[in-house]
Every structure is written in structure tokens, then in C-alpha cells.
C-alpha atoms as a PDB file:
ATOM      1  CA  MET A   1      23.109  64.759 -13.912  1.00  0.00           C
ATOM      2  CA  THR A   2      24.152  61.644 -12.579  1.00  0.00           C
ATOM      3  CA  ILE A   3      22.198  58.062 -13.062  1.00  0.00           C
ATOM      4  CA  ILE A   4      21.439  57.937  -9.498  1.00  0.00           C
ATOM      5  CA  ASP A   5      20.919  60.993  -7.102  1.00  0.00           C
ATOM      6  CA  SER A   6      21.730  61.697  -3.374  1.00  0.00           C
ATOM      7  CA  LYS A   7      18.116  60.388  -2.217  1.00  0.00           C
ATOM      8  CA  GLY A   8      19.097  56.727  -3.817  1.00  0.00           C
ATOM      9  CA  LYS A   9      16.802  57.507  -6.694  1.00  0.00           C
ATOM     10  CA  LEU A  10      17.358  55.747 -10.574  1.00  0.00           C
ATOM     11  CA  PHE A  11      17.381  59.171 -13.135  1.00  0.00           C
ATOM     12  CA  GLY A  12      16.029  61.033  -9.646  1.00  0.00           C
ATOM     13  CA  LYS A  13      12.243  59.245 -10.018  1.00  0.00           C
ATOM     14  CA  ILE A  14      12.654  55.173  -9.205  1.00  0.00           C
ATOM     15  CA  SER A  15      14.088  53.762  -6.040  1.00  0.00           C
ATOM     16  CA  ILE A  16      16.907  50.834  -6.450  1.00  0.00           C
ATOM     17  CA  ILE A  17      14.932  48.846  -3.379  1.00  0.00           C
ATOM     18  CA  ASP A  18      11.992  49.217  -5.679  1.00  0.00           C
ATOM     19  CA  ILE A  19      13.683  47.861  -8.767  1.00  0.00           C
ATOM     20  CA  LEU A  20      15.244  45.510  -6.732  1.00  0.00           C
ATOM     21  CA  ILE A  21      11.743  44.156  -5.121  1.00  0.00           C
ATOM     22  CA  VAL A  22       9.952  44.336  -8.867  1.00  0.00           C
ATOM     23  CA  VAL A  23      12.972  42.311  -9.979  1.00  0.00           C
ATOM     24  CA  VAL A  24      12.615  39.854  -7.465  1.00  0.00           C
ATOM     25  CA  LEU A  25       9.293  39.302  -8.263  1.00  0.00           C
ATOM     26  CA  ILE A  26       9.267  38.706 -12.140  1.00  0.00           C
ATOM     27  CA  GLY A  27      11.485  36.073 -11.265  1.00  0.00           C
ATOM     28  CA  ALA A  28       9.315  34.496  -8.863  1.00  0.00           C
ATOM     29  CA  ILE A  29       6.439  34.502 -10.667  1.00  0.00           C
ATOM     30  CA  ALA A  30       8.697  33.600 -14.041  1.00  0.00           C
ATOM     31  CA  GLY A  31      10.245  30.237 -11.696  1.00  0.00           C
ATOM     32  CA  ALA A  32       6.474  29.068 -10.480  1.00  0.00           C
ATOM     33  CA  GLY A  33       5.130  29.839 -13.975  1.00  0.00           C
ATOM     34  CA  TYR A  34       8.112  27.478 -14.958  1.00  0.00           C
ATOM     35  CA  LYS A  35       8.147  24.581 -12.263  1.00  0.00           C
ATOM     36  CA  TYR A  36       4.014  24.579 -13.563  1.00  0.00           C
ATOM     37  CA  ILE A  37       4.864  24.475 -17.324  1.00  0.00           C
ATOM     38  CA  LYS A  38       7.482  21.765 -16.581  1.00  0.00           C
ATOM     39  CA  ALA A  39       5.466  19.669 -14.604  1.00  0.00           C
ATOM     40  CA  ARG A  40       3.561  16.464 -15.410  1.00  0.00           C
ATOM     41  CA  ALA A  41       0.641  17.909 -13.726  1.00  0.00           C
ATOM     42  CA  SER A  42      -3.038  16.639 -14.469  1.00  0.00           C
ATOM     43  CA  ASN A  43      -4.338  19.009 -17.228  1.00  0.00           C
ATOM     44  CA  PRO A  44      -7.973  19.126 -18.139  1.00  0.00           C
ATOM     45  CA  PHE A  45      -6.500  19.479 -21.759  1.00  0.00           C
ATOM     46  CA  VAL A  46      -4.582  16.539 -22.009  1.00  0.00           C
ATOM     47  CA  LYS A  47      -6.420  13.822 -23.398  1.00  0.00           C
ATOM     48  CA  GLN A  48      -7.189  11.066 -20.596  1.00  0.00           C
ATOM     49  CA  ASP A  49      -7.944   7.251 -22.023  1.00  0.00           C
ATOM     50  CA  LYS A  50     -10.014   4.604 -20.602  1.00  0.00           C
ATOM     51  CA  VAL A  51      -7.926   1.690 -19.107  1.00  0.00           C
ATOM     52  CA  GLN A  52      -8.571  -1.404 -17.560  1.00  0.00           C
ATOM     53  CA  ILE A  53      -6.515  -2.169 -14.730  1.00  0.00           C
ATOM     54  CA  THR A  54      -5.999  -5.933 -13.560  1.00  0.00           C
ATOM     55  CA  PHE A  55      -4.642  -5.677  -9.859  1.00  0.00           C
ATOM     56  CA  TYR A  56      -3.125  -9.640  -8.667  1.00  0.00           C
ATOM     57  CA  CYS A  57      -2.903 -10.586  -4.727  1.00  0.00           C
ATOM     58  CA  GLU A  58      -1.249 -13.837  -3.575  1.00  0.00           C
ATOM     59  CA  GLU A  59      -3.031 -13.824   0.075  1.00  0.00           C
ATOM     60  CA  PHE A  60      -5.227 -12.138   1.888  1.00  0.00           C
ATOM     61  CA  PRO A  61      -7.845 -12.625   4.702  1.00  0.00           C
ATOM     62  CA  GLU A  62     -11.326 -14.110   3.330  1.00  0.00           C
ATOM     63  CA  TYR A  63     -13.267 -11.217   4.778  1.00  0.00           C
ATOM     64  CA  ALA A  64     -11.723  -8.721   2.924  1.00  0.00           C
ATOM     65  CA  ALA A  65     -13.604 -10.073  -0.244  1.00  0.00           C
ATOM     66  CA  SER A  66     -16.685 -10.538   1.192  1.00  0.00           C
ATOM     67  CA  GLU A  67     -19.517  -8.609  -0.715  1.00  0.00           C
ATOM     68  CA  ASP A  68     -20.084  -6.281   2.038  1.00  0.00           C
ATOM     69  CA  ASN A  69     -16.507  -4.961   1.491  1.00  0.00           C
ATOM     70  CA  ILE A  70     -15.992  -4.958  -2.284  1.00  0.00           C
ATOM     71  CA  LYS A  71     -19.090  -4.458  -4.714  1.00  0.00           C
ATOM     72  CA  LYS A  72     -18.930  -3.981  -8.594  1.00  0.00           C
ATOM     73  CA  GLY A  73     -18.354  -0.268  -8.762  1.00  0.00           C
ATOM     74  CA  SER A  74     -16.585   0.184  -5.665  1.00  0.00           C
ATOM     75  CA  LEU A  75     -13.552   2.994  -5.528  1.00  0.00           C
ATOM     76  CA  VAL A  76      -9.586   1.220  -6.386  1.00  0.00           C
ATOM     77  CA  LYS A  77      -7.527   3.782  -4.495  1.00  0.00           C
ATOM     78  CA  ASP A  78      -3.709   3.771  -3.920  1.00  0.00           C
ATOM     79  CA  GLY A  79      -3.199   4.434  -0.570  1.00  0.00           C
ATOM     80  CA  VAL A  80      -0.375   5.513  -0.738  1.00  0.00           C
ATOM     81  CA  GLN A  81      -0.502   8.564  -3.407  1.00  0.00           C
ATOM     82  CA  GLY A  82      -3.945   8.689  -2.816  1.00  0.00           C
ATOM     83  CA  THR A  83      -4.483   8.543  -6.623  1.00  0.00           C
ATOM     84  CA  VAL A  84      -7.912   6.984  -7.967  1.00  0.00           C
ATOM     85  CA  LEU A  85      -7.421   4.094 -10.283  1.00  0.00           C
ATOM     86  CA  GLY A  86     -11.057   2.816 -10.681  1.00  0.00           C
ATOM     87  CA  ALA A  87     -13.862   1.261  -9.840  1.00  0.00           C
ATOM     88  CA  VAL A  88     -14.051  -2.370  -8.927  1.00  0.00           C
ATOM     89  CA  THR A  89     -15.903  -4.073 -12.434  1.00  0.00           C
ATOM     90  CA  GLU A  90     -15.166  -7.770 -11.796  1.00  0.00           C
ATOM     91  CA  VAL A  91     -13.085  -9.963  -8.400  1.00  0.00           C
ATOM     92  CA  LYS A  92     -12.180 -13.227  -9.145  1.00  0.00           C
ATOM     93  CA  THR A  93     -10.808 -15.594  -6.021  1.00  0.00           C
ATOM     94  CA  GLY A  94      -8.863 -18.464  -5.596  1.00  0.00           C
ATOM     95  CA  LYS A  95      -6.507 -20.298  -2.996  1.00  0.00           C
ATOM     96  CA  ALA A  96      -3.924 -18.311  -1.312  1.00  0.00           C
ATOM     97  CA  ILE A  97      -0.602 -18.456  -2.460  1.00  0.00           C
ATOM     98  CA  SER A  98       1.933 -18.634   0.274  1.00  0.00           C
ATOM     99  CA  PHE A  99       5.563 -19.591  -0.326  1.00  0.00           C
ATOM    100  CA  ALA A 100       7.701 -21.169   2.771  1.00  0.00           C
ATOM    101  CA  GLN A 101      11.090 -22.238   2.879  1.00  0.00           C
ATOM    102  CA  SER A 102      11.277 -26.668   3.662  1.00  0.00           C
ATOM    103  CA  ASP A 103      14.288 -27.457   5.167  1.00  0.00           C
ATOM    104  CA  LYS A 104      15.962 -28.672   2.101  1.00  0.00           C
ATOM    105  CA  GLY A 105      16.152 -25.066   1.849  1.00  0.00           C
ATOM    106  CA  GLU A 106      13.161 -25.235  -1.301  1.00  0.00           C
ATOM    107  CA  PHE A 107      10.647 -22.611  -1.513  1.00  0.00           C
ATOM    108  CA  ASN A 108       7.014 -24.225  -1.811  1.00  0.00           C
ATOM    109  CA  ALA A 109       3.718 -22.710  -2.646  1.00  0.00           C
ATOM    110  CA  SER A 110       0.722 -23.320   0.107  1.00  0.00           C
ATOM    111  CA  SER A 111      -2.172 -22.107   0.966  1.00  0.00           C
ATOM    112  CA  LYS A 112      -3.812 -20.931   4.646  1.00  0.00           C
ATOM    113  CA  GLN A 113      -7.144 -21.637   5.608  1.00  0.00           C
ATOM    114  CA  GLY A 114      -9.246 -17.955   5.580  1.00  0.00           C
ATOM    115  CA  TYR A 115      -7.115 -16.627   3.410  1.00  0.00           C
ATOM    116  CA  LEU A 116      -7.620 -15.859  -0.364  1.00  0.00           C
ATOM    117  CA  SER A 117      -5.836 -14.713  -4.136  1.00  0.00           C
ATOM    118  CA  ALA A 118      -7.730 -12.523  -6.175  1.00  0.00           C
ATOM    119  CA  TYR A 119      -7.768 -11.109  -9.327  1.00  0.00           C
ATOM    120  CA  ILE A 120      -9.175  -7.636  -8.862  1.00  0.00           C
ATOM    121  CA  THR A 121     -10.097  -5.730 -12.120  1.00  0.00           C
ATOM    122  CA  ALA A 122     -11.275  -2.110 -12.518  1.00  0.00           C
ATOM    123  CA  GLU A 123     -11.616   0.778 -15.184  1.00  0.00           C
ATOM    124  CA  GLY A 124     -10.828   4.296 -14.843  1.00  0.00           C
ATOM    125  CA  GLN A 125      -9.291   6.804 -16.482  1.00  0.00           C
ATOM    126  CA  GLY A 126      -4.918   7.894 -17.240  1.00  0.00           C
ATOM    127  CA  ARG A 127      -2.658   8.759 -19.680  1.00  0.00           C
ATOM    128  CA  TYR A 128      -2.091   5.203 -21.713  1.00  0.00           C
ATOM    129  CA  SER A 129       1.573   4.091 -23.016  1.00  0.00           C
ATOM    130  CA  ASP A 130       4.049   1.999 -24.087  1.00  0.00           C
ATOM    131  CA  ASN A 131       5.483   2.382 -21.128  1.00  0.00           C
ATOM    132  CA  GLY A 132       2.112   2.576 -18.361  1.00  0.00           C
ATOM    133  CA  LEU A 133       0.034   4.212 -16.889  1.00  0.00           C
ATOM    134  CA  ILE A 134       0.031   8.169 -15.260  1.00  0.00           C
ATOM    135  CA  VAL A 135      -2.830   8.520 -13.258  1.00  0.00           C
ATOM    136  CA  ASN A 136      -2.483  12.184 -11.161  1.00  0.00           C
ATOM    137  CA  ASN A 137       0.679  12.347 -12.383  1.00  0.00           C
ATOM    138  CA  VAL A 138       1.991   9.059 -10.544  1.00  0.00           C
ATOM    139  CA  GLU A 139       3.065   6.369 -13.580  1.00  0.00           C
ATOM    140  CA  TYR A 140       1.646   2.210 -13.185  1.00  0.00           C
ATOM    141  CA  TYR A 141       3.160  -0.120 -15.291  1.00  0.00           C
ATOM    142  CA  VAL A 142       2.711  -3.896 -15.079  1.00  0.00           C
ATOM    143  CA  GLY A 143       5.180  -6.183 -12.476  1.00  0.00           C
ATOM    144  CA  GLN A 144       4.763  -3.070  -9.922  1.00  0.00           C
ATOM    145  CA  ILE A 145       3.677  -3.758  -6.413  1.00  0.00           C
ATOM    146  CA  VAL A 146       1.160  -1.532  -4.824  1.00  0.00           C
ATOM    147  CA  ASP A 147       2.213  -1.378  -1.278  1.00  0.00           C
ATOM    148  CA  LYS A 148      -1.300  -0.119  -0.112  1.00  0.00           C
ATOM    149  CA  LEU A 149      -4.078  -0.915  -2.219  1.00  0.00           C
ATOM    150  CA  ARG A 150      -7.870   0.029  -1.168  1.00  0.00           C
ATOM    151  CA  VAL A 151     -11.089  -1.431  -2.866  1.00  0.00           C
ATOM    152  CA  GLY A 152     -14.177  -0.332  -1.616  1.00  0.00           C
ATOM    153  CA  LYS A 153     -13.793  -0.707   2.429  1.00  0.00           C
ATOM    154  CA  SER A 154     -10.896  -3.231   2.454  1.00  0.00           C
ATOM    155  CA  GLU A 155      -7.115  -2.537   2.359  1.00  0.00           C
ATOM    156  CA  PHE A 156      -4.700  -5.118   0.613  1.00  0.00           C
ATOM    157  CA  ARG A 157      -1.096  -4.675   1.419  1.00  0.00           C
ATOM    158  CA  TYR A 158       2.459  -5.243   0.442  1.00  0.00           C
ATOM    159  CA  ASN A 159       1.611  -8.252  -2.056  1.00  0.00           C
ATOM    160  CA  VAL A 160      -0.615  -6.608  -4.909  1.00  0.00           C
ATOM    161  CA  ARG A 161       1.160  -6.146  -8.403  1.00  0.00           C
ATOM    162  CA  ILE A 162      -0.188  -4.716 -11.402  1.00  0.00           C
ATOM    163  CA  GLN A 163      -1.480  -7.561 -13.360  1.00  0.00           C
ATOM    164  CA  ASP A 164      -2.072  -5.785 -16.529  1.00  0.00           C
ATOM    165  CA  ILE A 165      -3.067  -2.508 -18.224  1.00  0.00           C
ATOM    166  CA  LYS A 166      -4.895  -2.014 -21.117  1.00  0.00           C
ATOM    167  CA  LYS A 167      -6.665   0.925 -22.992  1.00  0.00           C
ATOM    168  CA  ILE A 168     -10.154   0.590 -23.572  1.00  0.00           C
ATOM    169  CA  ASN A 169     -11.661   1.911 -26.804  1.00  0.00           C
END
């Protein structure tokens, strides 16, 4: 008796093509499972910490921080990653800070009329560690520039930094 007969069947019962299809399917399932396990995927079984994140924006139009646009409880979202970082708990505004180079090559701070600076504090959920915060597989850390931050109905671009991240007990 031969291992493969004239019809291409193993031991006269199973086709080699069938075996190859089963091997490819098992490999695909194993690969997908490995990728899922290795990914830092949001897992409902991983404990989420309650956190407070403070953002600082040096300069933005005054109308963007109006109470019509930003209220306590407004969502704070990373507009690039699509990650909800929390809800606004506090907004503190001040004079805008713009830096311009003088004729002598020195950089001087000044403010613009119609513009403000702001500290925006939000509370949300994520995995907190000494290295920062992970929210929906995206890492955030103090000093990081958030290219597009959506707060309520307003959007802040390019000059928003994460000022502080704290775990709340």
C-alpha cells in the first residue's frame, strides 16, 4: 500500500489539497490569535484607573473657550487618534502667550488681542503608570503635544501640551 494513491489521496482517504487547506486555515487562526493576544488591545478585564489630565494651550481664539463651546462635562477628545480622554472638570483662561523674534534675534513673549491661553482639566479612564497613560491603545505622557484636541464644540490645534497626568483614588 502506498501513502499517496493515483488519485492524490493520502492513504486512499484524504486529499492532499484538503490537508493543505486545513493547514492554511489553522495557520491563519493561530496568527490572528497571536496578534490579538500580543496587541495592547483594550481589554474589559484590565483594570482602568480614574485619571485627571491637564492640558495647556498657549494661544487660541477667545470665542473657542466661551461657555457656549466648552462646559463642565464636555468631552475631551484626541482629534487625531479619535480617543476620548475624559470630560471637562475645569477651564482656567489667561492672557495668550505668543513668541516673536525681535530685530536682535531674541524671542520675546507677548499676547494677542482676542486670544487667550488656557488650562483645561479633564477626568477620564485609562491605564496609569509611571510612564504615562494608555487610553484605547494610545500612549499619553506629560509634555506631549496633542496636534488636535477637541473640547466640547471647540478644536485646539498644534500648540496644546499635556501639562499633568494624575491618578485619582
